[in-house]
C-alpha atoms as a PDB file:
ATOM      1  CA  MET A   1     121.078  65.547 172.720  1.00  0.00           C
ATOM      2  CA  ILE A   2     121.716  66.329 169.103  1.00  0.00           C
ATOM      3  CA  ALA A   3     125.180  64.678 168.275  1.00  0.00           C
ATOM      4  CA  GLY A   4     127.295  64.703 165.174  1.00  0.00           C
ATOM      5  CA  ALA A   5     130.810  65.161 163.751  1.00  0.00           C
ATOM      6  CA  PRO A   6     132.278  68.613 163.457  1.00  0.00           C
ATOM      7  CA  GLY A   7     131.202  70.367 160.299  1.00  0.00           C
ATOM      8  CA  LEU A   8     127.984  68.483 159.663  1.00  0.00           C
ATOM      9  CA  GLY A   9     125.652  71.359 160.602  1.00  0.00           C
ATOM     10  CA  LYS A  10     124.600  70.667 164.192  1.00  0.00           C
ATOM     11  CA  SER A  11     124.429  74.260 165.108  1.00  0.00           C
ATOM     12  CA  THR A  12     122.882  75.314 161.826  1.00  0.00           C
ATOM     13  CA  ILE A  13     120.111  72.757 162.245  1.00  0.00           C
ATOM     14  CA  THR A  14     119.724  73.651 165.953  1.00  0.00           C
ATOM     15  CA  ALA A  15     119.299  77.305 165.276  1.00  0.00           C
ATOM     16  CA  ALA A  16     116.889  76.751 162.603  1.00  0.00           C
ATOM     17  CA  ILE A  17     114.843  74.616 164.879  1.00  0.00           C
ATOM     18  CA  ALA A  18     115.107  77.374 167.774  1.00  0.00           C
ATOM     19  CA  ALA A  19     114.131  80.123 165.377  1.00  0.00           C
ATOM     20  CA  HIS A  20     110.948  78.281 164.380  1.00  0.00           C
ATOM     21  CA  ALA A  21     110.103  77.672 168.129  1.00  0.00           C
ATOM     22  CA  ALA A  22     110.606  81.321 168.896  1.00  0.00           C
ATOM     23  CA  GLN A  23     107.999  82.212 166.141  1.00  0.00           C
ATOM     24  CA  GLY A  24     105.491  79.218 166.758  1.00  0.00           C
ATOM     25  CA  ARG A  25     105.899  78.283 163.190  1.00  0.00           C
ATOM     26  CA  ASP A  26     105.777  74.662 161.627  1.00  0.00           C
ATOM     27  CA  PHE A  27     109.113  73.311 160.597  1.00  0.00           C
ATOM     28  CA  GLY A  28     109.081  70.957 157.620  1.00  0.00           C
ATOM     29  CA  ASP A  29     106.241  68.575 158.356  1.00  0.00           C
ATOM     30  CA  LEU A  30     106.455  68.874 162.117  1.00  0.00           C
ATOM     31  CA  SER A  31     103.946  71.020 164.175  1.00  0.00           C
ATOM     32  CA  VAL A  32     105.652  73.476 166.500  1.00  0.00           C
ATOM     33  CA  LYS A  33     104.420  75.557 169.556  1.00  0.00           C
ATOM     34  CA  ASN A  34     105.481  79.031 170.596  1.00  0.00           C
ATOM     35  CA  ALA A  35     108.286  79.040 173.071  1.00  0.00           C
ATOM     36  CA  VAL A  36     110.748  81.301 174.547  1.00  0.00           C
ATOM     37  CA  VAL A  37     114.396  80.390 173.401  1.00  0.00           C
ATOM     38  CA  ILE A  38     117.429  80.609 175.317  1.00  0.00           C
ATOM     39  CA  TYR A  39     120.325  79.713 173.355  1.00  0.00           C
ATOM     40  CA  TYR A  40     123.675  79.335 175.377  1.00  0.00           C
ATOM     41  CA  ALA A  41     126.194  79.767 172.681  1.00  0.00           C
ATOM     42  CA  ALA A  42     129.444  78.640 174.645  1.00  0.00           C
ATOM     43  CA  GLU A  43     131.486  78.231 171.321  1.00  0.00           C
ATOM     44  CA  ASP A  44     130.185  80.826 168.892  1.00  0.00           C
ATOM     45  CA  ALA A  45     127.388  83.254 169.613  1.00  0.00           C
ATOM     46  CA  TYR A  46     128.021  85.366 166.440  1.00  0.00           C
ATOM     47  CA  GLY A  47     127.688  82.212 164.441  1.00  0.00           C
ATOM     48  CA  VAL A  48     124.470  81.132 166.100  1.00  0.00           C
ATOM     49  CA  LEU A  49     122.977  84.554 165.201  1.00  0.00           C
ATOM     50  CA  CYS A  50     124.004  84.114 161.543  1.00  0.00           C
ATOM     51  CA  ARG A  51     122.627  80.603 161.372  1.00  0.00           C
ATOM     52  CA  ALA A  52     119.307  81.876 162.722  1.00  0.00           C
ATOM     53  CA  TYR A  53     119.110  85.066 160.659  1.00  0.00           C
ATOM     54  CA  SER A  54     117.536  83.458 157.492  1.00  0.00           C
ATOM     55  CA  TYR A  55     114.627  82.582 159.600  1.00  0.00           C
ATOM     56  CA  VAL A  56     114.107  85.651 161.677  1.00  0.00           C
ATOM     57  CA  ARG A  57     115.220  88.367 159.300  1.00  0.00           C
ATOM     58  CA  ASP A  58     111.490  89.197 158.472  1.00  0.00           C
ATOM     59  CA  PRO A  59     110.458  92.359 160.417  1.00  0.00           C
ATOM     60  CA  ALA A  60     107.476  90.657 161.660  1.00  0.00           C
ATOM     61  CA  CYS A  61     109.787  88.459 163.554  1.00  0.00           C
ATOM     62  CA  ALA A  62     111.530  91.174 165.390  1.00  0.00           C
ATOM     63  CA  ASP A  63     109.511  90.566 168.629  1.00  0.00           C
ATOM     64  CA  ALA A  64     110.208  86.685 168.581  1.00  0.00           C
ATOM     65  CA  PRO A  65     111.614  85.786 172.010  1.00  0.00           C
ATOM     66  CA  PHE A  66     115.032  84.351 170.629  1.00  0.00           C
ATOM     67  CA  TYR A  67     117.829  84.936 173.158  1.00  0.00           C
ATOM     68  CA  VAL A  68     121.503  84.060 172.330  1.00  0.00           C
ATOM     69  CA  VAL A  69     123.661  84.238 175.404  1.00  0.00           C
ATOM     70  CA  ASP A  70     127.401  84.558 174.821  1.00  0.00           C
ATOM     71  CA  GLY A  71     128.848  81.908 176.917  1.00  0.00           C
ATOM     72  CA  ALA A  72     127.161  79.131 179.214  1.00  0.00           C
ATOM     73  CA  PRO A  73     126.909  78.205 182.888  1.00  0.00           C
ATOM     74  CA  ASN A  74     128.663  75.057 183.995  1.00  0.00           C
ATOM     75  CA  LEU A  75     126.159  72.248 183.997  1.00  0.00           C
ATOM     76  CA  LEU A  76     128.218  70.439 186.827  1.00  0.00           C
ATOM     77  CA  ASP A  77     127.564  73.242 189.240  1.00  0.00           C
ATOM     78  CA  SER A  78     124.825  72.328 191.717  1.00  0.00           C
ATOM     79  CA  GLU A  79     123.583  75.944 191.621  1.00  0.00           C
ATOM     80  CA  THR A  80     123.167  76.242 187.794  1.00  0.00           C
ATOM     81  CA  PRO A  81     119.634  74.442 187.617  1.00  0.00           C
ATOM     82  CA  GLU A  82     118.097  76.876 189.799  1.00  0.00           C
ATOM     83  CA  THR A  83     119.858  79.896 188.320  1.00  0.00           C
ATOM     84  CA  VAL A  84     118.902  79.047 184.774  1.00  0.00           C
ATOM     85  CA  ALA A  85     115.407  77.977 185.482  1.00  0.00           C
ATOM     86  CA  ARG A  86     114.862  81.195 187.297  1.00  0.00           C
ATOM     87  CA  PHE A  87     116.172  83.342 184.273  1.00  0.00           C
ATOM     88  CA  VAL A  88     114.070  81.090 181.701  1.00  0.00           C
ATOM     89  CA  THR A  89     110.833  81.461 183.775  1.00  0.00           C
ATOM     90  CA  SER A  90     111.285  85.152 184.114  1.00  0.00           C
ATOM     91  CA  MET A  91     111.615  85.401 180.262  1.00  0.00           C
ATOM     92  CA  MET A  92     108.593  83.179 179.909  1.00  0.00           C
ATOM     93  CA  ALA A  93     106.725  85.707 181.977  1.00  0.00           C
ATOM     94  CA  LYS A  94     107.992  88.597 180.147  1.00  0.00           C
ATOM     95  CA  HIS A  95     106.785  87.207 176.690  1.00  0.00           C
ATOM     96  CA  ARG A  96     103.638  85.334 178.096  1.00  0.00           C
ATOM     97  CA  CYS A  97     104.806  81.956 176.984  1.00  0.00           C
ATOM     98  CA  GLU A  98     103.969  78.671 178.810  1.00  0.00           C
ATOM     99  CA  GLN A  99     107.089  76.686 177.493  1.00  0.00           C
ATOM    100  CA  ALA A 100     110.596  77.304 176.602  1.00  0.00           C
ATOM    101  CA  LEU A 101     113.560  75.807 174.548  1.00  0.00           C
ATOM    102  CA  VAL A 102     116.963  75.969 176.241  1.00  0.00           C
ATOM    103  CA  VAL A 103     119.982  75.002 174.179  1.00  0.00           C
ATOM    104  CA  PHE A 104     123.481  74.415 175.343  1.00  0.00           C
ATOM    105  CA  ASP A 105     126.018  74.511 172.447  1.00  0.00           C
ATOM    106  CA  THR A 106     128.407  72.663 172.595  1.00  0.00           C
ATOM    107  CA  LEU A 107     128.349  70.443 175.585  1.00  0.00           C
ATOM    108  CA  ASN A 108     132.119  70.160 176.161  1.00  0.00           C
ATOM    109  CA  ARG A 109     132.120  73.941 176.777  1.00  0.00           C
ATOM    110  CA  CYS A 110     129.468  73.724 179.473  1.00  0.00           C
ATOM    111  CA  ILE A 111     131.214  71.017 181.759  1.00  0.00           C
ATOM    112  CA  GLY A 112     134.154  72.927 183.061  1.00  0.00           C
ATOM    113  CA  GLU A 113     137.284  71.036 183.495  1.00  0.00           C
ATOM    114  CA  ALA A 114     135.317  67.708 183.785  1.00  0.00           C
ATOM    115  CA  ASP A 115     136.257  64.550 181.882  1.00  0.00           C
ATOM    116  CA  GLU A 116     133.219  63.771 179.358  1.00  0.00           C
ATOM    117  CA  ASN A 117     134.173  60.171 179.689  1.00  0.00           C
ATOM    118  CA  SER A 118     133.312  60.057 183.380  1.00  0.00           C
ATOM    119  CA  SER A 119     129.897  58.402 183.818  1.00  0.00           C
ATOM    120  CA  SER A 120     129.262  60.041 187.194  1.00  0.00           C
ATOM    121  CA  ALA A 121     130.156  63.625 186.067  1.00  0.00           C
ATOM    122  CA  MET A 122     128.247  63.259 182.872  1.00  0.00           C
ATOM    123  CA  GLY A 123     125.403  61.713 184.717  1.00  0.00           C
ATOM    124  CA  THR A 124     125.226  64.886 186.882  1.00  0.00           C
ATOM    125  CA  VAL A 125     125.295  67.070 183.927  1.00  0.00           C
ATOM    126  CA  VAL A 126     122.254  65.250 182.234  1.00  0.00           C
ATOM    127  CA  GLY A 127     120.467  65.336 185.627  1.00  0.00           C
ATOM    128  CA  ASN A 128     120.931  69.086 185.931  1.00  0.00           C
ATOM    129  CA  ALA A 129     119.708  69.435 182.465  1.00  0.00           C
ATOM    130  CA  ALA A 130     116.621  67.498 183.375  1.00  0.00           C
ATOM    131  CA  LEU A 131     116.152  69.635 186.518  1.00  0.00           C
ATOM    132  CA  ILE A 132     116.070  72.946 184.330  1.00  0.00           C
ATOM    133  CA  ALA A 133     113.689  71.136 182.034  1.00  0.00           C
ATOM    134  CA  LYS A 134     111.348  70.300 185.063  1.00  0.00           C
ATOM    135  CA  GLN A 135     111.512  73.504 186.893  1.00  0.00           C
ATOM    136  CA  ALA A 136     111.151  75.740 183.995  1.00  0.00           C
ATOM    137  CA  ASN A 137     108.611  73.609 181.916  1.00  0.00           C
ATOM    138  CA  ALA A 138     111.362  73.579 179.172  1.00  0.00           C
ATOM    139  CA  SER A 139     112.893  71.354 176.593  1.00  0.00           C
ATOM    140  CA  VAL A 140     116.573  71.297 176.852  1.00  0.00           C
ATOM    141  CA  ILE A 141     118.845  70.449 173.963  1.00  0.00           C
ATOM    142  CA  LEU A 142     122.546  69.483 174.551  1.00  0.00           C
ATOM    143  CA  VAL A 143     124.544  69.825 171.300  1.00  0.00           C
ATOM    144  CA  HIS A 144     127.373  67.458 171.266  1.00  0.00           C
ATOM    145  CA  HIS A 145     129.977  65.561 169.162  1.00  0.00           C
ATOM    146  CA  THR A 146     130.231  62.092 168.107  1.00  0.00           C
ATOM    147  CA  GLY A 147     133.374  60.115 168.573  1.00  0.00           C
ATOM    148  CA  ILE A 148     136.314  60.188 166.151  1.00  0.00           C
ATOM    149  CA  GLY A 149     135.652  57.398 163.611  1.00  0.00           C
ATOM    150  CA  ASN A 150     132.433  56.406 165.328  1.00  0.00           C
ATOM    151  CA  PRO A 151     129.366  58.398 164.162  1.00  0.00           C
ATOM    152  CA  ASP A 152     127.071  55.931 165.853  1.00  0.00           C
ATOM    153  CA  ARG A 153     127.294  57.317 169.442  1.00  0.00           C
ATOM    154  CA  PRO A 154     127.878  60.336 171.252  1.00  0.00           C
ATOM    155  CA  ARG A 155     131.475  61.011 172.240  1.00  0.00           C
ATOM    156  CA  GLY A 156     132.334  60.261 175.834  1.00  0.00           C
ATOM    157  CA  SER A 157     130.456  58.461 178.430  1.00  0.00           C
ATOM    158  CA  SER A 158     127.605  55.963 177.927  1.00  0.00           C
ATOM    159  CA  ALA A 159     125.493  58.093 180.500  1.00  0.00           C
ATOM    160  CA  PHE A 160     124.552  60.178 177.527  1.00  0.00           C
ATOM    161  CA  HIS A 161     122.699  57.481 175.834  1.00  0.00           C
ATOM    162  CA  GLY A 162     121.302  56.007 179.085  1.00  0.00           C
ATOM    163  CA  ASN A 163     119.974  59.176 180.464  1.00  0.00           C
ATOM    164  CA  VAL A 164     118.736  61.532 177.850  1.00  0.00           C
ATOM    165  CA  ASP A 165     115.137  61.366 176.874  1.00  0.00           C
ATOM    166  CA  CYS A 166     115.887  61.855 173.303  1.00  0.00           C
ATOM    167  CA  LEU A 167     119.043  61.189 171.489  1.00  0.00           C
ATOM    168  CA  CYS A 168     119.357  62.261 167.744  1.00  0.00           C
ATOM    169  CA  LEU A 169     122.470  61.643 165.769  1.00  0.00           C
ATOM    170  CA  LEU A 170     123.403  63.643 162.655  1.00  0.00           C
ATOM    171  CA  ASN A 171     124.948  61.827 159.617  1.00  0.00           C
ATOM    172  CA  GLU A 172     125.552  62.810 156.033  1.00  0.00           C
ATOM    173  CA  ALA A 173     122.800  61.349 153.781  1.00  0.00           C
ATOM    174  CA  PRO A 174     124.249  58.852 151.172  1.00  0.00           C
ATOM    175  CA  GLN A 175     124.198  59.806 147.471  1.00  0.00           C
ATOM    176  CA  SER A 176     123.163  63.516 148.308  1.00  0.00           C
ATOM    177  CA  GLY A 177     124.572  64.689 145.042  1.00  0.00           C
ATOM    178  CA  ALA A 178     125.995  68.250 144.732  1.00  0.00           C
ATOM    179  CA  SER A 179     123.865  69.342 147.596  1.00  0.00           C
ATOM    180  CA  LYS A 180     124.966  68.667 151.146  1.00  0.00           C
ATOM    181  CA  VAL A 181     121.964  66.743 152.722  1.00  0.00           C
ATOM    182  CA  VAL A 182     122.154  65.424 156.380  1.00  0.00           C
ATOM    183  CA  LEU A 183     119.854  63.349 158.160  1.00  0.00           C
ATOM    184  CA  LEU A 184     118.933  63.638 161.713  1.00  0.00           C
ATOM    185  CA  ASN A 185     118.051  60.122 163.187  1.00  0.00           C
ATOM    186  CA  ALA A 186     116.383  59.762 166.708  1.00  0.00           C
ATOM    187  CA  ILE A 187     117.897  56.614 167.796  1.00  0.00           C
ATOM    188  CA  LYS A 188     116.141  56.984 171.297  1.00  0.00           C
ATOM    189  CA  GLN A 189     112.700  58.618 171.913  1.00  0.00           C
ATOM    190  CA  LYS A 190     111.287  58.385 175.306  1.00  0.00           C
ATOM    191  CA  ASN A 191     107.566  58.909 175.802  1.00  0.00           C
ATOM    192  CA  ALA A 192     106.806  59.875 172.319  1.00  0.00           C
ATOM    193  CA  GLN A 193     106.014  58.245 168.964  1.00  0.00           C
ATOM    194  CA  GLU A 194     109.034  57.172 166.881  1.00  0.00           C
ATOM    195  CA  LEU A 195     110.375  59.588 164.263  1.00  0.00           C
ATOM    196  CA  GLY A 196     111.591  58.550 160.977  1.00  0.00           C
ATOM    197  CA  PRO A 197     114.841  60.289 159.607  1.00  0.00           C
ATOM    198  CA  LEU A 198     114.632  64.093 159.281  1.00  0.00           C
ATOM    199  CA  PRO A 199     116.514  65.360 156.309  1.00  0.00           C
ATOM    200  CA  PHE A 200     117.906  68.703 156.083  1.00  0.00           C
ATOM    201  CA  LYS A 201     119.479  70.471 152.997  1.00  0.00           C
ATOM    202  CA  LEU A 202     122.384  72.556 154.105  1.00  0.00           C
ATOM    203  CA  ALA A 203     122.541  75.726 152.010  1.00  0.00           C
ATOM    204  CA  SER A 204     123.663  79.436 152.244  1.00  0.00           C
ATOM    205  CA  LEU A 205     121.680  82.684 152.032  1.00  0.00           C
ATOM    206  CA  GLU A 206     122.872  85.836 150.318  1.00  0.00           C
ATOM    207  CA  ILE A 207     122.542  88.709 152.533  1.00  0.00           C
ATOM    208  CA  GLY A 208     124.298  91.473 150.822  1.00  0.00           C
ATOM    209  CA  THR A 209     128.012  92.544 150.229  1.00  0.00           C
ATOM    210  CA  ASP A 210     130.812  93.757 152.378  1.00  0.00           C
ATOM    211  CA  ASP A 211     132.658  97.083 152.142  1.00  0.00           C
ATOM    212  CA  GLU A 212     134.759  95.607 149.472  1.00  0.00           C
ATOM    213  CA  GLY A 213     132.054  94.440 147.369  1.00  0.00           C
ATOM    214  CA  TYR A 214     132.233  90.732 148.186  1.00  0.00           C
ATOM    215  CA  LEU A 215     129.233  88.748 148.490  1.00  0.00           C
ATOM    216  CA  VAL A 216     128.259  87.841 152.164  1.00  0.00           C
ATOM    217  CA  THR A 217     126.273  84.678 152.895  1.00  0.00           C
ATOM    218  CA  VAL A 218     125.108  82.990 156.087  1.00  0.00           C
ATOM    219  CA  PRO A 219     124.602  79.147 156.617  1.00  0.00           C
ATOM    220  CA  MET A 220     120.967  78.057 156.407  1.00  0.00           C
ATOM    221  CA  ALA A 221     119.457  74.536 157.176  1.00  0.00           C
ATOM    222  CA  VAL A 222     116.313  73.937 155.000  1.00  0.00           C
ATOM    223  CA  PRO A 223     114.025  71.116 156.096  1.00  0.00           C
ATOM    224  CA  MET A 224     113.066  68.574 153.575  1.00  0.00           C
ATOM    225  CA  GLU A 225     109.586  66.695 153.914  1.00  0.00           C
ATOM    226  CA  PRO A 226     109.819  63.036 153.500  1.00  0.00           C
ATOM    227  CA  LYS A 227     106.828  60.816 154.115  1.00  0.00           C
ATOM    228  CA  SER A 228     108.583  59.246 156.972  1.00  0.00           C
ATOM    229  CA  PHE A 229     108.018  62.344 159.165  1.00  0.00           C
ATOM    230  CA  ALA A 230     105.688  61.393 162.163  1.00  0.00           C
ATOM    231  CA  LYS A 231     104.322  63.643 164.776  1.00  0.00           C
ATOM    232  CA  SER A 232     105.391  63.375 168.237  1.00  0.00           C
ATOM    233  CA  THR A 233     102.673  62.426 170.757  1.00  0.00           C
ATOM    234  CA  ARG A 234     102.304  64.013 174.223  1.00  0.00           C
ATOM    235  CA  ALA A 235     104.276  62.345 176.978  1.00  0.00           C
ATOM    236  CA  ALA A 236     102.176  59.832 178.816  1.00  0.00           C
ATOM    237  CA  ASN A 237     102.577  61.443 182.237  1.00  0.00           C
ATOM    238  CA  ASP A 238     101.394  65.040 180.864  1.00  0.00           C
ATOM    239  CA  ASN A 239      97.866  65.240 181.959  1.00  0.00           C
ATOM    240  CA  ARG A 240      97.368  69.053 181.474  1.00  0.00           C
ATOM    241  CA  SER A 241      94.154  69.952 179.639  1.00  0.00           C
ATOM    242  CA  THR A 242      94.626  71.453 176.153  1.00  0.00           C
ATOM    243  CA  PRO A 243      92.741  74.858 175.546  1.00  0.00           C
ATOM    244  CA  SER A 244      90.330  75.064 172.647  1.00  0.00           C
ATOM    245  CA  LYS A 245      91.488  76.403 169.435  1.00  0.00           C
ATOM    246  CA  THR A 246      89.510  79.647 169.797  1.00  0.00           C
ATOM    247  CA  GLU A 247      91.090  80.116 173.317  1.00  0.00           C
ATOM    248  CA  ALA A 248      94.521  79.475 172.097  1.00  0.00           C
ATOM    249  CA  ARG A 249      94.136  81.847 169.253  1.00  0.00           C
ATOM    250  CA  ARG A 250      92.755  84.627 171.545  1.00  0.00           C
ATOM    251  CA  ALA A 251      95.629  84.140 174.041  1.00  0.00           C
ATOM    252  CA  ASP A 252      98.217  84.265 170.982  1.00  0.00           C
ATOM    253  CA  ILE A 253      96.832  87.570 169.666  1.00  0.00           C
ATOM    254  CA  GLU A 254      96.738  88.929 173.135  1.00  0.00           C
ATOM    255  CA  ARG A 255     100.446  88.007 173.382  1.00  0.00           C
ATOM    256  CA  VAL A 256     101.183  89.743 170.086  1.00  0.00           C
ATOM    257  CA  LEU A 257      99.376  92.934 171.261  1.00  0.00           C
ATOM    258  CA  PHE A 258     101.291  92.699 174.420  1.00  0.00           C
ATOM    259  CA  GLU A 259     104.681  92.391 172.585  1.00  0.00           C
ATOM    260  CA  LEU A 260     103.944  95.248 170.262  1.00  0.00           C
ATOM    261  CA  GLY A 261     102.902  97.516 173.033  1.00  0.00           C
ATOM    262  CA  LYS A 262     106.384  97.058 174.572  1.00  0.00           C
ATOM    263  CA  THR A 263     108.121  98.254 171.513  1.00  0.00           C
ATOM    264  CA  ASN A 264     105.681 100.983 170.661  1.00  0.00           C
ATOM    265  CA  GLN A 265     103.695 101.998 173.421  1.00  0.00           C
ATOM    266  CA  GLY A 266     100.298 103.347 172.769  1.00  0.00           C
ATOM    267  CA  ALA A 267     100.344 102.798 169.084  1.00  0.00           C
ATOM    268  CA  PHE A 268      97.722 101.144 167.276  1.00  0.00           C
ATOM    269  CA  PHE A 269      98.590  98.240 164.721  1.00  0.00           C
ATOM    270  CA  ALA A 270      96.822  97.016 161.608  1.00  0.00           C
ATOM    271  CA  PRO A 271      95.504  93.439 161.696  1.00  0.00           C
ATOM    272  CA  THR A 272      97.765  92.447 158.963  1.00  0.00           C
ATOM    273  CA  GLN A 273     100.595  93.536 161.048  1.00  0.00           C
ATOM    274  CA  ILE A 274      99.198  91.512 164.066  1.00  0.00           C
ATOM    275  CA  ALA A 275      98.515  88.527 161.812  1.00  0.00           C
ATOM    276  CA  ALA A 276     102.084  88.385 160.375  1.00  0.00           C
ATOM    277  CA  ARG A 277     103.255  87.864 164.128  1.00  0.00           C
ATOM    278  CA  SER A 278     100.731  85.321 165.001  1.00  0.00           C
ATOM    279  CA  GLY A 279     102.039  82.058 166.473  1.00  0.00           C
ATOM    280  CA  SER A 280     101.373  78.409 166.512  1.00  0.00           C
ATOM    281  CA  PRO A 281      97.482  78.404 167.098  1.00  0.00           C
ATOM    282  CA  PHE A 282      97.212  79.830 163.502  1.00  0.00           C
ATOM    283  CA  ASN A 283      99.627  77.564 161.674  1.00  0.00           C
ATOM    284  CA  ASP A 284      96.737  75.546 160.036  1.00  0.00           C
ATOM    285  CA  VAL A 285      95.440  78.733 158.394  1.00  0.00           C
ATOM    286  CA  ARG A 286      98.939  80.189 157.794  1.00  0.00           C
ATOM    287  CA  ASN A 287      98.832  80.294 154.089  1.00  0.00           C
ATOM    288  CA  SER A 288      95.241  81.046 153.254  1.00  0.00           C
ATOM    289  CA  ASP A 289      92.654  83.834 153.470  1.00  0.00           C
ATOM    290  CA  SER A 290      91.223  82.194 156.598  1.00  0.00           C
ATOM    291  CA  LEU A 291      94.273  83.752 158.666  1.00  0.00           C
ATOM    292  CA  ARG A 292      92.811  87.052 158.247  1.00  0.00           C
ATOM    293  CA  VAL A 293      89.382  85.971 159.410  1.00  0.00           C
ATOM    294  CA  ALA A 294      90.696  84.068 162.305  1.00  0.00           C
ATOM    295  CA  VAL A 295      92.682  86.915 163.533  1.00  0.00           C
ATOM    296  CA  ARG A 296      89.952  89.460 163.053  1.00  0.00           C
ATOM    297  CA  ARG A 297      87.680  87.297 165.253  1.00  0.00           C
ATOM    298  CA  SER A 298      90.383  87.063 168.095  1.00  0.00           C
ATOM    299  CA  LEU A 299      90.760  90.740 167.991  1.00  0.00           C
ATOM    300  CA  GLU A 300      87.110  91.435 168.271  1.00  0.00           C
ATOM    301  CA  ALA A 301      86.717  88.985 170.997  1.00  0.00           C
ATOM    302  CA  LEU A 302      89.529  90.625 172.960  1.00  0.00           C
ATOM    303  CA  GLU A 303      88.038  93.846 172.498  1.00  0.00           C
ATOM    304  CA  LYS A 304      84.746  92.776 173.871  1.00  0.00           C
ATOM    305  CA  GLU A 305      86.611  91.353 176.907  1.00  0.00           C
ATOM    306  CA  GLY A 306      88.287  94.737 177.432  1.00  0.00           C
ATOM    307  CA  LYS A 307      91.766  93.332 176.734  1.00  0.00           C
ATOM    308  CA  ALA A 308      92.141  95.223 173.433  1.00  0.00           C
ATOM    309  CA  GLU A 309      91.331  98.716 172.118  1.00  0.00           C
ATOM    310  CA  ARG A 310      90.358  99.613 168.589  1.00  0.00           C
ATOM    311  CA  SER A 311      90.754 102.855 166.456  1.00  0.00           C
ATOM    312  CA  GLU A 312      90.805 103.645 162.781  1.00  0.00           C
ATOM    313  CA  GLU A 313      94.483 102.595 162.610  1.00  0.00           C
ATOM    314  CA  GLY A 314      93.867  99.146 164.193  1.00  0.00           C
ATOM    315  CA  TYR A 315      94.164  97.657 167.603  1.00  0.00           C
ATOM    316  CA  ARG A 316      96.349  97.796 170.606  1.00  0.00           C
ATOM    317  CA  ILE A 317      96.575  96.206 174.025  1.00  0.00           C
ATOM    318  CA  ALA A 318      94.182  97.793 176.520  1.00  0.00           C
ATOM    319  CA  LEU A 319      96.255 100.361 178.256  1.00  0.00           C
ATOM    320  CA  GLY A 320      94.960  99.449 181.563  1.00  0.00           C
ATOM    321  CA  LYS A 321      96.970  96.290 181.440  1.00  0.00           C
ATOM    322  CA  PRO A 322     100.773  96.202 182.194  1.00  0.00           C
ATOM    323  CA  ILE A 323     103.058  95.924 179.255  1.00  0.00           C
ATOM    324  CA  SER A 324     106.395  95.392 180.747  1.00  0.00           C
ATOM    325  CA  VAL A 325     108.150  93.101 183.180  1.00  0.00           C
ATOM    326  CA  ASP A 326     111.415  94.000 184.578  1.00  0.00           C
ATOM    327  CA  VAL A 327     113.510  90.875 184.580  1.00  0.00           C
ATOM    328  CA  GLY A 328     116.967  92.286 184.438  1.00  0.00           C
ATOM    329  CA  SER A 329     119.919  91.539 182.017  1.00  0.00           C
ATOM    330  CA  ILE A 330     120.305  88.242 180.180  1.00  0.00           C
ATOM    331  CA  GLY A 331     124.006  88.561 180.410  1.00  0.00           C
END
């Protein structure tokens, strides 16, 4: 759960986190893995798109699996976990991702007519969110408000603090000067190393002018990099083996070729185009010449395995492999 007072930038920060997850790009000083993002925008779908735009506007991000759903299911409904998990896993299969990030923003729009002060009702809400996480191998974020005049706890039932795996509170940083800086503090962190406060500068990005010549901007959360950052450890009960870096990079480039093949079937793509779309396995060489070498090695390996084809123009997914999965509408 991410909780904070209105106007502090909860959705701006959450959208920025989600955009980085969809691209598999490190965020501030924190490592990120590729994930399909399903963002249930129960309050302001257009606003979420605006807040994510600053990080997904690059053409290389056009295929990033970032889905904003206008509206949200009722988390009190017993059928919701299965329905959401089924949709999330279908999108994971479509994009060949092994994990997902599911966001419900904001929580009070996702509980129907229920009273958020009811411990039994809110316990059910958090329990259903946990079922989605378990069934879809996903992380689920609940965006919520803090109480009026009480920024130290989520508004409503104490079940929130007791039942969520991680509780982050958003507060304005003291003495932030002319810039608006907020701190995301993890006051509860289950099965992971403790994180220090994560600071974000809330800014705006100029994107052009409107029909009348007025400047148009969108909100933007810029992560800052304090020394207090600490990287999360894997949960103690997670015994899955970790693939080698070579295997992970090869699978990531196959994913990129797969995505490109869906948008422009049969076309070949230059290694530079493919590298620009690479995900988290390449983050350690992202800003160096080594990225080109690493991507080239993965492409050559995929070609040798018969999973990729090469021409003078570049590479493409081997045409003998399926390049689409019909999963229906996300509406």
